[in-house]
Every structure is written in C-alpha cells, then in structure tokens.
Amino acid sequence: MSATYDAVVFDNDGVLTTLTDREVLLEAITDAFREVGVAEPPAEQVRTLLGPDVDSVRRIARDHGVDAEALWEARERAAVTAQFEELVAGRKRPYEDIAILEELEVPTGVVSNNQHETIANVLEQCDLAEFDVWYGREPSLEGIARKKPEPYYLERAIDDLGATNPLYVGDSPVDVIAADAAGVDAAFVRRDHRLESEPPTDPEPTYEIDSLEEIRPLV
C-alpha cells in the first residue's frame, strides 16, 4: 500500500461510533407521529421512516392528512434528541480504534446520512479528534434526496478539503456507491454488525478492512 491519499473522509455510524439501537429510533419516530397528531401510527409506516425516500414520506403524510415537511421535521427532531440521550448515557459510543485519527497527517472529514445536528453532538460528546469538515443531512425532504448513495455531501466535503485524491471510509453499500459516484476510492470497514455481510460488489470497495488502524499505511 502506497502513500497516495491526500485526505480521509469517514462515515460516522458504524465507523466512528456504534450504531444507535433500532428500537430507540423506532420509539422516537412514533413520538414524531404523535407530535403531528397521529396517535397510533401503523408499525409498518414507523419502520419506513427509519430510512425513507421522499415519495414514501409524502405518501405516509398524505395517508394521515398531515404536512410532509412537518412530519419529517418532527421525525428528525425526535431522532436528534433520542440519539443525544444515547450519547450522554454512553450507549452510543466511539470505537476504540478511532485513536488512529490523531496520527493521520492529512485533512479529515465526516460525511454521514445521520442528521447534521447529530454529527455535531457526536463530535462534542465523544471528544473525537477535530475534523476539518463534517456534513450530516439537512432535516428536510431535500436532505433525504441528497443523502447517500447520492454523492452530494461527500463531494461538498471533498471540495471543502481541497483534496484531489481522498479516501472514503464506510461500512455499508451506500458508502461505496457514493464514493464511486464521486470518483474516489472506498474502504469498507467490517465491524461486528457486518461480520455476516458480504462487501458490495457493484461497485466493489477499493479495500476491505477490519479496523481503522489499517488506514494508516494508506496516507
């Protein structure tokens, strides 16, 4: 492995910090429905709002006669609050191998499909190394449309870093697809929640790694 990359951009959930418990997020989404006047939301719709596209949010809002933007903004507020509580309680926490961040001598960034406010809370509560740039999604329907696998936020981060050959580190197929769309290499990190998963094959990641420690020789 040669020293070729002039920046490293990381996904957050499942890469820098552990995943938020699914049940915590489902409860938060249920609260969001109630905030906009839907007292008993169908379980299927609650699950859909874990990771919807814009059309599904609009369809669900239409089913209940509520404004789609209002529903999604309530969903985002509830998710931010729930994840902040998980961070404070130590249930959402950084992985031990993030210590490698202090040894990287190239610019670094974070690009996540989580809310921008949640990423701000992660960086503060987990006392992570200071990143040069970081992006989470906007709490709007437009933010849904821009999330990975779309390369929108990744390309913004790369531009902000002034990088010509960055590496993107993620733990899911959408990370690899976004990197490919942005024209950059991807490292697929196999955390515990990915042990039984095959890495994506179309496109394939440039590297498959078991720890962030394996990034050091690359930069």
C-alpha atoms as a PDB file:
ATOM      1  CA  MET A   1       0.000   0.000   0.000  1.00  0.00           C
ATOM      2  CA  SER A   2       1.451   3.352  -1.021  1.00  0.00           C
ATOM      3  CA  ALA A   3       1.030   6.819   0.410  1.00  0.00           C
ATOM      4  CA  THR A   4      -1.427   8.143  -2.167  1.00  0.00           C
ATOM      5  CA  TYR A   5      -4.373   9.762  -0.389  1.00  0.00           C
ATOM      6  CA  ASP A   6      -4.348  13.439   0.496  1.00  0.00           C
ATOM      7  CA  ALA A   7      -7.443  13.312   2.741  1.00  0.00           C
ATOM      8  CA  VAL A   8      -9.632  10.774   4.516  1.00  0.00           C
ATOM      9  CA  VAL A   9     -13.388  11.177   4.904  1.00  0.00           C
ATOM     10  CA  PHE A  10     -15.318   8.920   7.274  1.00  0.00           C
ATOM     11  CA  ASP A  11     -18.892   7.808   7.624  1.00  0.00           C
ATOM     12  CA  ASN A  12     -19.979   8.047  11.264  1.00  0.00           C
ATOM     13  CA  ASP A  13     -22.478   5.400  12.372  1.00  0.00           C
ATOM     14  CA  GLY A  14     -20.801   2.009  12.362  1.00  0.00           C
ATOM     15  CA  VAL A  15     -17.428   3.545  11.529  1.00  0.00           C
ATOM     16  CA  LEU A  16     -16.527   6.160  14.143  1.00  0.00           C
ATOM     17  CA  THR A  17     -19.312   5.385  16.614  1.00  0.00           C
ATOM     18  CA  THR A  18     -21.539   2.425  17.321  1.00  0.00           C
ATOM     19  CA  LEU A  19     -24.961   2.206  15.747  1.00  0.00           C
ATOM     20  CA  THR A  20     -27.953   3.682  17.524  1.00  0.00           C
ATOM     21  CA  ASP A  21     -30.257   0.964  18.806  1.00  0.00           C
ATOM     22  CA  ARG A  22     -33.042   0.397  16.281  1.00  0.00           C
ATOM     23  CA  GLU A  23     -35.753   0.307  18.954  1.00  0.00           C
ATOM     24  CA  VAL A  24     -34.666   3.719  20.235  1.00  0.00           C
ATOM     25  CA  LEU A  25     -35.139   5.186  16.781  1.00  0.00           C
ATOM     26  CA  LEU A  26     -38.489   3.456  16.260  1.00  0.00           C
ATOM     27  CA  GLU A  27     -39.756   4.897  19.538  1.00  0.00           C
ATOM     28  CA  ALA A  28     -38.536   8.356  18.508  1.00  0.00           C
ATOM     29  CA  ILE A  29     -40.349   8.070  15.171  1.00  0.00           C
ATOM     30  CA  THR A  30     -43.539   7.014  16.952  1.00  0.00           C
ATOM     31  CA  ASP A  31     -43.252  10.135  19.130  1.00  0.00           C
ATOM     32  CA  ALA A  32     -42.842  12.243  15.986  1.00  0.00           C
ATOM     33  CA  PHE A  33     -46.065  10.860  14.535  1.00  0.00           C
ATOM     34  CA  ARG A  34     -47.859  11.768  17.745  1.00  0.00           C
ATOM     35  CA  GLU A  35     -46.396  15.269  17.645  1.00  0.00           C
ATOM     36  CA  VAL A  36     -48.126  15.910  14.317  1.00  0.00           C
ATOM     37  CA  GLY A  37     -51.397  14.395  15.508  1.00  0.00           C
ATOM     38  CA  VAL A  38     -51.127  10.724  14.516  1.00  0.00           C
ATOM     39  CA  ALA A  39     -51.775   8.959  17.807  1.00  0.00           C
ATOM     40  CA  GLU A  40     -51.430   5.343  16.626  1.00  0.00           C
ATOM     41  CA  PRO A  41     -49.165   5.166  13.578  1.00  0.00           C
ATOM     42  CA  PRO A  42     -49.011   1.806  11.789  1.00  0.00           C
ATOM     43  CA  ALA A  43     -45.855  -0.119  12.676  1.00  0.00           C
ATOM     44  CA  GLU A  44     -45.012  -0.527   9.006  1.00  0.00           C
ATOM     45  CA  GLN A  45     -45.030   3.229   8.489  1.00  0.00           C
ATOM     46  CA  VAL A  46     -42.872   3.768  11.563  1.00  0.00           C
ATOM     47  CA  ARG A  47     -40.325   1.329  10.134  1.00  0.00           C
ATOM     48  CA  THR A  48     -40.483   3.028   6.742  1.00  0.00           C
ATOM     49  CA  LEU A  49     -39.455   6.338   8.296  1.00  0.00           C
ATOM     50  CA  LEU A  50     -36.220   4.793   9.537  1.00  0.00           C
ATOM     51  CA  GLY A  51     -34.751   5.303   6.074  1.00  0.00           C
ATOM     52  CA  PRO A  52     -37.327   6.579   3.621  1.00  0.00           C
ATOM     53  CA  ASP A  53     -37.184   8.267   0.263  1.00  0.00           C
ATOM     54  CA  VAL A  54     -39.063  11.496  -0.353  1.00  0.00           C
ATOM     55  CA  ASP A  55     -42.005   9.774  -2.047  1.00  0.00           C
ATOM     56  CA  SER A  56     -42.634   7.467   0.908  1.00  0.00           C
ATOM     57  CA  VAL A  57     -42.658  10.387   3.355  1.00  0.00           C
ATOM     58  CA  ARG A  58     -45.137  12.242   1.168  1.00  0.00           C
ATOM     59  CA  ARG A  59     -47.311   9.135   0.822  1.00  0.00           C
ATOM     60  CA  ILE A  60     -47.401   8.492   4.568  1.00  0.00           C
ATOM     61  CA  ALA A  61     -48.148  12.143   5.303  1.00  0.00           C
ATOM     62  CA  ARG A  62     -50.946  12.097   2.756  1.00  0.00           C
ATOM     63  CA  ASP A  63     -52.439   8.979   4.373  1.00  0.00           C
ATOM     64  CA  HIS A  64     -52.828  10.900   7.630  1.00  0.00           C
ATOM     65  CA  GLY A  65     -53.670  14.304   6.207  1.00  0.00           C
ATOM     66  CA  VAL A  66     -50.565  15.981   7.600  1.00  0.00           C
ATOM     67  CA  ASP A  67     -47.888  18.119   6.004  1.00  0.00           C
ATOM     68  CA  ALA A  68     -44.963  16.039   4.746  1.00  0.00           C
ATOM     69  CA  GLU A  69     -42.316  18.591   5.750  1.00  0.00           C
ATOM     70  CA  ALA A  70     -43.845  18.918   9.212  1.00  0.00           C
ATOM     71  CA  LEU A  71     -43.870  15.140   9.686  1.00  0.00           C
ATOM     72  CA  TRP A  72     -40.256  14.788   8.579  1.00  0.00           C
ATOM     73  CA  GLU A  73     -39.042  17.717  10.660  1.00  0.00           C
ATOM     74  CA  ALA A  74     -40.734  16.193  13.718  1.00  0.00           C
ATOM     75  CA  ARG A  75     -39.111  12.858  12.895  1.00  0.00           C
ATOM     76  CA  GLU A  76     -35.685  14.492  12.653  1.00  0.00           C
ATOM     77  CA  ARG A  77     -36.069  16.424  15.907  1.00  0.00           C
ATOM     78  CA  ALA A  78     -37.116  13.275  17.723  1.00  0.00           C
ATOM     79  CA  ALA A  79     -34.181  11.308  16.278  1.00  0.00           C
ATOM     80  CA  VAL A  80     -31.685  14.013  17.218  1.00  0.00           C
ATOM     81  CA  THR A  81     -33.000  14.099  20.791  1.00  0.00           C
ATOM     82  CA  ALA A  82     -33.037  10.308  21.162  1.00  0.00           C
ATOM     83  CA  GLN A  83     -29.505   9.915  19.835  1.00  0.00           C
ATOM     84  CA  PHE A  84     -28.203  12.715  22.040  1.00  0.00           C
ATOM     85  CA  GLU A  85     -29.624  10.878  25.054  1.00  0.00           C
ATOM     86  CA  GLU A  86     -27.909   7.687  23.890  1.00  0.00           C
ATOM     87  CA  LEU A  87     -24.605   9.548  23.600  1.00  0.00           C
ATOM     88  CA  VAL A  88     -24.899  11.088  27.057  1.00  0.00           C
ATOM     89  CA  ALA A  89     -25.780   7.696  28.552  1.00  0.00           C
ATOM     90  CA  GLY A  90     -22.776   6.092  26.848  1.00  0.00           C
ATOM     91  CA  ARG A  91     -24.853   3.608  24.899  1.00  0.00           C
ATOM     92  CA  LYS A  92     -23.794   5.194  21.618  1.00  0.00           C
ATOM     93  CA  ARG A  93     -20.027   5.438  21.868  1.00  0.00           C
ATOM     94  CA  PRO A  94     -16.863   5.696  19.786  1.00  0.00           C
ATOM     95  CA  TYR A  95     -14.928   2.654  18.667  1.00  0.00           C
ATOM     96  CA  GLU A  96     -11.530   2.213  20.301  1.00  0.00           C
ATOM     97  CA  ASP A  97      -9.632   2.327  17.015  1.00  0.00           C
ATOM     98  CA  ILE A  98     -10.595   5.964  16.392  1.00  0.00           C
ATOM     99  CA  ALA A  99      -7.366   6.750  18.233  1.00  0.00           C
ATOM    100  CA  ILE A 100      -5.764   6.428  14.795  1.00  0.00           C
ATOM    101  CA  LEU A 101      -7.322   9.779  13.873  1.00  0.00           C
ATOM    102  CA  GLU A 102      -4.737  11.595  15.968  1.00  0.00           C
ATOM    103  CA  GLU A 103      -1.957  10.041  13.897  1.00  0.00           C
ATOM    104  CA  LEU A 104      -3.273  10.981  10.467  1.00  0.00           C
ATOM    105  CA  GLU A 105      -1.313  13.834   8.937  1.00  0.00           C
ATOM    106  CA  VAL A 106      -3.787  14.582   6.151  1.00  0.00           C
ATOM    107  CA  PRO A 107      -7.040  16.548   6.340  1.00  0.00           C
ATOM    108  CA  THR A 108     -10.034  14.567   7.606  1.00  0.00           C
ATOM    109  CA  GLY A 109     -13.785  14.886   7.341  1.00  0.00           C
ATOM    110  CA  VAL A 110     -17.063  13.185   8.208  1.00  0.00           C
ATOM    111  CA  VAL A 111     -19.974  12.595   5.836  1.00  0.00           C
ATOM    112  CA  SER A 112     -22.977  10.826   7.326  1.00  0.00           C
ATOM    113  CA  ASN A 113     -26.583  10.075   6.461  1.00  0.00           C
ATOM    114  CA  ASN A 114     -27.440  10.996  10.031  1.00  0.00           C
ATOM    115  CA  GLN A 115     -28.655  14.488  10.887  1.00  0.00           C
ATOM    116  CA  HIS A 116     -26.098  17.301  10.801  1.00  0.00           C
ATOM    117  CA  GLU A 117     -27.018  18.172  14.399  1.00  0.00           C
ATOM    118  CA  THR A 118     -26.479  14.585  15.495  1.00  0.00           C
ATOM    119  CA  ILE A 119     -22.986  14.598  13.981  1.00  0.00           C
ATOM    120  CA  ALA A 120     -22.258  17.823  15.877  1.00  0.00           C
ATOM    121  CA  ASN A 121     -23.401  16.110  19.073  1.00  0.00           C
ATOM    122  CA  VAL A 122     -21.256  13.055  18.313  1.00  0.00           C
ATOM    123  CA  LEU A 123     -18.122  15.121  17.790  1.00  0.00           C
ATOM    124  CA  GLU A 124     -18.699  17.026  21.025  1.00  0.00           C
ATOM    125  CA  GLN A 125     -19.906  14.224  23.298  1.00  0.00           C
ATOM    126  CA  CYS A 126     -17.367  11.634  22.108  1.00  0.00           C
ATOM    127  CA  ASP A 127     -14.475  14.109  22.181  1.00  0.00           C
ATOM    128  CA  LEU A 128     -13.404  12.976  18.739  1.00  0.00           C
ATOM    129  CA  ALA A 129     -10.368  14.394  17.010  1.00  0.00           C
ATOM    130  CA  GLU A 130     -11.017  17.728  15.388  1.00  0.00           C
ATOM    131  CA  PHE A 131     -12.180  17.209  11.833  1.00  0.00           C
ATOM    132  CA  ASP A 132     -11.559  19.779   9.125  1.00  0.00           C
ATOM    133  CA  VAL A 133     -15.089  19.452   7.770  1.00  0.00           C
ATOM    134  CA  TRP A 134     -18.201  17.448   8.547  1.00  0.00           C
ATOM    135  CA  TYR A 135     -21.607  17.005   6.994  1.00  0.00           C
ATOM    136  CA  GLY A 136     -24.805  15.324   8.062  1.00  0.00           C
ATOM    137  CA  ARG A 137     -28.057  15.657   6.220  1.00  0.00           C
ATOM    138  CA  GLU A 138     -30.328  18.669   6.472  1.00  0.00           C
ATOM    139  CA  PRO A 139     -33.551  17.976   8.429  1.00  0.00           C
ATOM    140  CA  SER A 140     -35.720  18.432   5.351  1.00  0.00           C
ATOM    141  CA  LEU A 141     -37.122  16.473   2.439  1.00  0.00           C
ATOM    142  CA  GLU A 142     -34.318  17.937   0.348  1.00  0.00           C
ATOM    143  CA  GLY A 143     -31.875  16.411   2.817  1.00  0.00           C
ATOM    144  CA  ILE A 144     -33.404  12.979   2.183  1.00  0.00           C
ATOM    145  CA  ALA A 145     -32.892  13.371  -1.558  1.00  0.00           C
ATOM    146  CA  ARG A 146     -29.240  14.348  -1.018  1.00  0.00           C
ATOM    147  CA  LYS A 147     -28.240  11.518   1.315  1.00  0.00           C
ATOM    148  CA  LYS A 148     -26.000   8.649   0.247  1.00  0.00           C
ATOM    149  CA  PRO A 149     -25.855   6.852  -2.129  1.00  0.00           C
ATOM    150  CA  GLU A 150     -26.074  10.315  -3.699  1.00  0.00           C
ATOM    151  CA  PRO A 151     -22.577  11.855  -3.575  1.00  0.00           C
ATOM    152  CA  TYR A 152     -23.838  15.376  -2.765  1.00  0.00           C
ATOM    153  CA  TYR A 153     -22.442  15.748   0.762  1.00  0.00           C
ATOM    154  CA  LEU A 154     -19.318  13.740   0.012  1.00  0.00           C
ATOM    155  CA  GLU A 155     -18.489  15.980  -2.939  1.00  0.00           C
ATOM    156  CA  ARG A 156     -19.040  19.060  -0.784  1.00  0.00           C
ATOM    157  CA  ALA A 157     -16.651  17.720   1.843  1.00  0.00           C
ATOM    158  CA  ILE A 158     -14.011  16.876  -0.749  1.00  0.00           C
ATOM    159  CA  ASP A 159     -14.271  20.370  -2.225  1.00  0.00           C
ATOM    160  CA  ASP A 160     -14.013  21.947   1.225  1.00  0.00           C
ATOM    161  CA  LEU A 161     -10.899  19.892   1.985  1.00  0.00           C
ATOM    162  CA  GLY A 162      -9.308  20.845  -1.327  1.00  0.00           C
ATOM    163  CA  ALA A 163      -8.496  17.156  -1.833  1.00  0.00           C
ATOM    164  CA  THR A 164      -7.618  15.691  -5.214  1.00  0.00           C
ATOM    165  CA  ASN A 165      -7.360  12.043  -4.155  1.00  0.00           C
ATOM    166  CA  PRO A 166      -9.295  11.354  -0.943  1.00  0.00           C
ATOM    167  CA  LEU A 167     -10.315   8.024   0.578  1.00  0.00           C
ATOM    168  CA  TYR A 168     -13.847   7.485   1.884  1.00  0.00           C
ATOM    169  CA  VAL A 169     -14.303   5.017   4.745  1.00  0.00           C
ATOM    170  CA  GLY A 170     -17.719   3.453   5.303  1.00  0.00           C
ATOM    171  CA  ASP A 171     -19.487   0.327   6.479  1.00  0.00           C
ATOM    172  CA  SER A 172     -22.340  -0.054   4.014  1.00  0.00           C
ATOM    173  CA  PRO A 173     -23.038  -0.424   0.298  1.00  0.00           C
ATOM    174  CA  VAL A 174     -24.373   3.131   0.069  1.00  0.00           C
ATOM    175  CA  ASP A 175     -20.973   4.404   1.199  1.00  0.00           C
ATOM    176  CA  VAL A 176     -19.208   2.515  -1.560  1.00  0.00           C
ATOM    177  CA  ILE A 177     -21.749   3.642  -4.158  1.00  0.00           C
ATOM    178  CA  ALA A 178     -21.425   7.283  -3.071  1.00  0.00           C
ATOM    179  CA  ALA A 179     -17.629   7.078  -3.257  1.00  0.00           C
ATOM    180  CA  ASP A 180     -17.825   5.574  -6.724  1.00  0.00           C
ATOM    181  CA  ALA A 181     -20.223   8.296  -7.860  1.00  0.00           C
ATOM    182  CA  ALA A 182     -17.827  10.919  -6.519  1.00  0.00           C
ATOM    183  CA  GLY A 183     -14.925   9.247  -8.324  1.00  0.00           C
ATOM    184  CA  VAL A 184     -12.944   8.367  -5.195  1.00  0.00           C
ATOM    185  CA  ASP A 185     -11.701   5.152  -3.578  1.00  0.00           C
ATOM    186  CA  ALA A 186     -13.606   3.496  -0.749  1.00  0.00           C
ATOM    187  CA  ALA A 187     -12.570   1.389   2.235  1.00  0.00           C
ATOM    188  CA  PHE A 188     -15.272  -0.951   3.571  1.00  0.00           C
ATOM    189  CA  VAL A 189     -14.760  -1.487   7.314  1.00  0.00           C
ATOM    190  CA  ARG A 190     -16.174  -4.732   8.644  1.00  0.00           C
ATOM    191  CA  ARG A 191     -17.459  -4.020  12.149  1.00  0.00           C
ATOM    192  CA  ASP A 192     -19.274  -6.586  14.290  1.00  0.00           C
ATOM    193  CA  HIS A 193     -22.627  -5.720  12.706  1.00  0.00           C
ATOM    194  CA  ARG A 194     -21.146  -6.502   9.277  1.00  0.00           C
ATOM    195  CA  LEU A 195     -19.451  -9.803  10.074  1.00  0.00           C
ATOM    196  CA  GLU A 196     -22.087 -11.800   8.228  1.00  0.00           C
ATOM    197  CA  SER A 197     -22.371  -9.341   5.351  1.00  0.00           C
ATOM    198  CA  GLU A 198     -20.632  -9.578   2.045  1.00  0.00           C
ATOM    199  CA  PRO A 199     -18.994  -6.352   0.883  1.00  0.00           C
ATOM    200  CA  PRO A 200     -20.737  -4.687  -2.032  1.00  0.00           C
ATOM    201  CA  THR A 201     -19.763  -5.987  -5.446  1.00  0.00           C
ATOM    202  CA  ASP A 202     -21.167  -3.390  -7.844  1.00  0.00           C
ATOM    203  CA  PRO A 203     -19.178  -1.292  -7.334  1.00  0.00           C
ATOM    204  CA  GLU A 204     -16.589  -3.069  -5.212  1.00  0.00           C
ATOM    205  CA  PRO A 205     -14.744  -1.213  -2.443  1.00  0.00           C
ATOM    206  CA  THR A 206     -11.088  -0.476  -3.081  1.00  0.00           C
ATOM    207  CA  TYR A 207     -10.206  -2.003   0.285  1.00  0.00           C
ATOM    208  CA  GLU A 208     -11.895  -4.244   2.826  1.00  0.00           C
ATOM    209  CA  ILE A 209     -10.579  -3.616   6.338  1.00  0.00           C
ATOM    210  CA  ASP A 210     -11.303  -4.877   9.843  1.00  0.00           C
ATOM    211  CA  SER A 211     -10.049  -1.830  11.730  1.00  0.00           C
ATOM    212  CA  LEU A 212      -9.373   1.846  11.157  1.00  0.00           C
ATOM    213  CA  GLU A 213      -5.771   1.032  12.057  1.00  0.00           C
ATOM    214  CA  GLU A 214      -5.419  -0.305   8.519  1.00  0.00           C
ATOM    215  CA  ILE A 215      -5.860   3.188   7.100  1.00  0.00           C
ATOM    216  CA  ARG A 216      -2.557   4.454   8.466  1.00  0.00           C
ATOM    217  CA  PRO A 217      -0.332   2.896   5.758  1.00  0.00           C
ATOM    218  CA  LEU A 218      -2.536   4.388   3.054  1.00  0.00           C
ATOM    219  CA  VAL A 219      -1.890   8.003   3.913  1.00  0.00           C
END
